[in-house]
Amino acid sequence: QVQLVESGGGLVQAGGSLRLSCVPSGSLSTFVNLGWYRQAPGKEREFVAFISSSGTANYAEAVVGRFFASRDNSKNILLLQLNDVKVEDTAVYCCNGVSDTVTWYWGQGTQVTVSS
């Protein structure tokens, strides 16, 4: 059973920065694509960022220029750098991995709370 474990969430002031990490139970190279999603209270889960096996990243419009995703297969870690955070970025952030058999895996999430 593949597991993804996020860490790095916490309380941060608006305008600040935070770095989230996601580590799989196996090898990160197992996943063709990796991504980050978030879910705010009372809202649907939404896409945040996607990063391909080649390292190409795409972002939701709401986070372009502020959030940066990266993957390091040698260190077996997926990262999401959050810069210039806003109150509306408050959510539970989950990492997602898609294997070459198109199986989706999800982490439990890490809470990010942005104060004004």
C-alpha atoms as a PDB file:
ATOM      1  CA  GLN A   1       0.000   0.000   0.000  1.00  0.00           C
ATOM      2  CA  VAL A   2       1.571   3.232  -1.159  1.00  0.00           C
ATOM      3  CA  GLN A   3       1.369   6.111   1.273  1.00  0.00           C
ATOM      4  CA  LEU A   4       2.087   9.788   0.854  1.00  0.00           C
ATOM      5  CA  VAL A   5       2.868  11.810   3.953  1.00  0.00           C
ATOM      6  CA  GLU A   6       2.766  15.590   3.987  1.00  0.00           C
ATOM      7  CA  SER A   7       4.413  17.894   6.480  1.00  0.00           C
ATOM      8  CA  GLY A   8       5.320  21.535   6.888  1.00  0.00           C
ATOM      9  CA  GLY A   9       1.928  23.095   7.431  1.00  0.00           C
ATOM     10  CA  GLY A  10       1.243  25.565  10.183  1.00  0.00           C
ATOM     11  CA  LEU A  11       0.191  29.090  11.031  1.00  0.00           C
ATOM     12  CA  VAL A  12       1.697  31.902   8.987  1.00  0.00           C
ATOM     13  CA  GLN A  13       0.941  35.600   8.632  1.00  0.00           C
ATOM     14  CA  ALA A  14      -0.333  37.003   5.372  1.00  0.00           C
ATOM     15  CA  GLY A  15       2.606  37.826   3.136  1.00  0.00           C
ATOM     16  CA  GLY A  16       4.772  35.153   4.698  1.00  0.00           C
ATOM     17  CA  SER A  17       6.170  31.906   3.344  1.00  0.00           C
ATOM     18  CA  LEU A  18       5.879  28.232   4.091  1.00  0.00           C
ATOM     19  CA  ARG A  19       7.287  25.083   2.544  1.00  0.00           C
ATOM     20  CA  LEU A  20       5.307  21.883   2.373  1.00  0.00           C
ATOM     21  CA  SER A  21       6.860  18.470   1.864  1.00  0.00           C
ATOM     22  CA  CYS A  22       5.440  15.185   0.674  1.00  0.00           C
ATOM     23  CA  VAL A  23       7.303  11.910   1.065  1.00  0.00           C
ATOM     24  CA  PRO A  24       6.081   8.588  -0.336  1.00  0.00           C
ATOM     25  CA  SER A  25       6.419   5.249   1.428  1.00  0.00           C
ATOM     26  CA  GLY A  26       8.167   3.935  -1.670  1.00  0.00           C
ATOM     27  CA  SER A  27      10.069   5.616  -4.469  1.00  0.00           C
ATOM     28  CA  LEU A  28       8.940   8.975  -5.784  1.00  0.00           C
ATOM     29  CA  SER A  29       9.948   7.842  -9.256  1.00  0.00           C
ATOM     30  CA  THR A  30       7.010   5.397  -9.094  1.00  0.00           C
ATOM     31  CA  PHE A  31       4.741   8.312  -9.842  1.00  0.00           C
ATOM     32  CA  VAL A  32       4.435   9.655 -13.350  1.00  0.00           C
ATOM     33  CA  ASN A  33       2.737  12.816 -12.209  1.00  0.00           C
ATOM     34  CA  LEU A  34       2.567  14.526  -8.848  1.00  0.00           C
ATOM     35  CA  GLY A  35       0.394  17.312  -7.631  1.00  0.00           C
ATOM     36  CA  TRP A  36      -0.919  19.390  -4.795  1.00  0.00           C
ATOM     37  CA  TYR A  37      -4.563  20.031  -3.996  1.00  0.00           C
ATOM     38  CA  ARG A  38      -6.216  21.949  -1.198  1.00  0.00           C
ATOM     39  CA  GLN A  39      -9.550  22.030   0.519  1.00  0.00           C
ATOM     40  CA  ALA A  40     -10.787  24.979   2.501  1.00  0.00           C
ATOM     41  CA  PRO A  41     -13.568  24.630   5.085  1.00  0.00           C
ATOM     42  CA  GLY A  42     -16.934  24.304   3.395  1.00  0.00           C
ATOM     43  CA  LYS A  43     -15.420  24.212  -0.067  1.00  0.00           C
ATOM     44  CA  GLU A  44     -14.641  21.576  -2.675  1.00  0.00           C
ATOM     45  CA  ARG A  45     -11.116  20.270  -3.079  1.00  0.00           C
ATOM     46  CA  GLU A  46      -9.283  22.290  -5.698  1.00  0.00           C
ATOM     47  CA  PHE A  47      -6.193  21.852  -7.804  1.00  0.00           C
ATOM     48  CA  VAL A  48      -3.113  23.846  -6.783  1.00  0.00           C
ATOM     49  CA  ALA A  49      -0.132  22.556  -8.750  1.00  0.00           C
ATOM     50  CA  PHE A  50       0.958  19.708 -10.964  1.00  0.00           C
ATOM     51  CA  ILE A  51       4.450  18.523 -11.782  1.00  0.00           C
ATOM     52  CA  SER A  52       5.291  15.966 -14.429  1.00  0.00           C
ATOM     53  CA  SER A  53       7.986  13.303 -14.416  1.00  0.00           C
ATOM     54  CA  SER A  54      10.183  15.692 -16.397  1.00  0.00           C
ATOM     55  CA  GLY A  55       9.733  18.405 -13.784  1.00  0.00           C
ATOM     56  CA  THR A  56       7.399  20.629 -15.768  1.00  0.00           C
ATOM     57  CA  ALA A  57       5.015  22.376 -13.415  1.00  0.00           C
ATOM     58  CA  ASN A  58       1.592  23.933 -13.904  1.00  0.00           C
ATOM     59  CA  TYR A  59      -0.341  25.983 -11.406  1.00  0.00           C
ATOM     60  CA  ALA A  60      -3.829  27.118 -10.612  1.00  0.00           C
ATOM     61  CA  GLU A  61      -4.374  30.712 -11.594  1.00  0.00           C
ATOM     62  CA  ALA A  62      -4.882  31.725  -7.957  1.00  0.00           C
ATOM     63  CA  VAL A  63      -1.319  30.725  -7.021  1.00  0.00           C
ATOM     64  CA  VAL A  64       0.691  31.529 -10.152  1.00  0.00           C
ATOM     65  CA  GLY A  65       3.809  33.462  -9.288  1.00  0.00           C
ATOM     66  CA  ARG A  66       3.454  32.747  -5.563  1.00  0.00           C
ATOM     67  CA  PHE A  67       3.611  28.962  -5.219  1.00  0.00           C
ATOM     68  CA  PHE A  68       6.325  26.760  -6.659  1.00  0.00           C
ATOM     69  CA  ALA A  69       6.278  22.966  -6.901  1.00  0.00           C
ATOM     70  CA  SER A  70       9.343  20.806  -7.296  1.00  0.00           C
ATOM     71  CA  ARG A  71      10.235  17.150  -7.121  1.00  0.00           C
ATOM     72  CA  ASP A  72      13.575  15.583  -6.309  1.00  0.00           C
ATOM     73  CA  ASN A  73      13.598  11.892  -7.150  1.00  0.00           C
ATOM     74  CA  SER A  74      17.092  11.459  -5.686  1.00  0.00           C
ATOM     75  CA  LYS A  75      15.922  12.791  -2.320  1.00  0.00           C
ATOM     76  CA  ASN A  76      12.535  11.135  -2.731  1.00  0.00           C
ATOM     77  CA  ILE A  77      10.594  14.281  -1.937  1.00  0.00           C
ATOM     78  CA  LEU A  78       7.941  16.538  -3.418  1.00  0.00           C
ATOM     79  CA  LEU A  79       7.905  20.161  -2.296  1.00  0.00           C
ATOM     80  CA  LEU A  80       5.509  23.068  -2.501  1.00  0.00           C
ATOM     81  CA  GLN A  81       6.924  26.487  -1.696  1.00  0.00           C
ATOM     82  CA  LEU A  82       4.239  28.958  -0.676  1.00  0.00           C
ATOM     83  CA  ASN A  83       5.237  32.621  -0.903  1.00  0.00           C
ATOM     84  CA  ASP A  84       3.273  35.791  -0.279  1.00  0.00           C
ATOM     85  CA  VAL A  85       0.459  33.751   1.226  1.00  0.00           C
ATOM     86  CA  LYS A  86      -3.020  35.187   1.541  1.00  0.00           C
ATOM     87  CA  VAL A  87      -5.831  34.519   3.997  1.00  0.00           C
ATOM     88  CA  GLU A  88      -7.684  32.731   1.203  1.00  0.00           C
ATOM     89  CA  ASP A  89      -4.832  30.208   0.957  1.00  0.00           C
ATOM     90  CA  THR A  90      -5.984  28.744   4.270  1.00  0.00           C
ATOM     91  CA  ALA A  91      -6.793  25.088   3.629  1.00  0.00           C
ATOM     92  CA  VAL A  92      -5.721  21.506   4.116  1.00  0.00           C
ATOM     93  CA  TYR A  93      -3.082  20.795   1.493  1.00  0.00           C
ATOM     94  CA  CYS A  94      -2.773  17.263   0.125  1.00  0.00           C
ATOM     95  CA  CYS A  95      -0.242  15.787  -2.213  1.00  0.00           C
ATOM     96  CA  ASN A  96      -1.311  13.437  -4.953  1.00  0.00           C
ATOM     97  CA  GLY A  97       0.579  10.911  -7.007  1.00  0.00           C
ATOM     98  CA  VAL A  98      -0.466   9.130 -10.191  1.00  0.00           C
ATOM     99  CA  SER A  99       1.329   5.902 -11.067  1.00  0.00           C
ATOM    100  CA  ASP A 100       2.041   4.546 -14.541  1.00  0.00           C
ATOM    101  CA  THR A 101      -1.064   2.356 -14.144  1.00  0.00           C
ATOM    102  CA  VAL A 102      -3.094   5.551 -13.649  1.00  0.00           C
ATOM    103  CA  THR A 103      -3.738   4.773 -10.011  1.00  0.00           C
ATOM    104  CA  TRP A 104      -4.248   7.848  -7.861  1.00  0.00           C
ATOM    105  CA  TYR A 105      -2.781   8.100  -4.371  1.00  0.00           C
ATOM    106  CA  TRP A 106      -3.491  10.764  -1.795  1.00  0.00           C
ATOM    107  CA  GLY A 107      -1.860  11.919   1.388  1.00  0.00           C
ATOM    108  CA  GLN A 108      -3.798  12.784   4.544  1.00  0.00           C
ATOM    109  CA  GLY A 109      -3.002  16.459   4.227  1.00  0.00           C
ATOM    110  CA  THR A 110      -1.356  19.194   6.225  1.00  0.00           C
ATOM    111  CA  GLN A 111      -3.164  22.265   7.541  1.00  0.00           C
ATOM    112  CA  VAL A 112      -2.068  25.706   6.397  1.00  0.00           C
ATOM    113  CA  THR A 113      -3.625  28.637   8.226  1.00  0.00           C
ATOM    114  CA  VAL A 114      -2.925  32.195   7.129  1.00  0.00           C
ATOM    115  CA  SER A 115      -3.693  34.991   9.564  1.00  0.00           C
ATOM    116  CA  SER A 116      -4.357  38.593   8.553  1.00  0.00           C
END
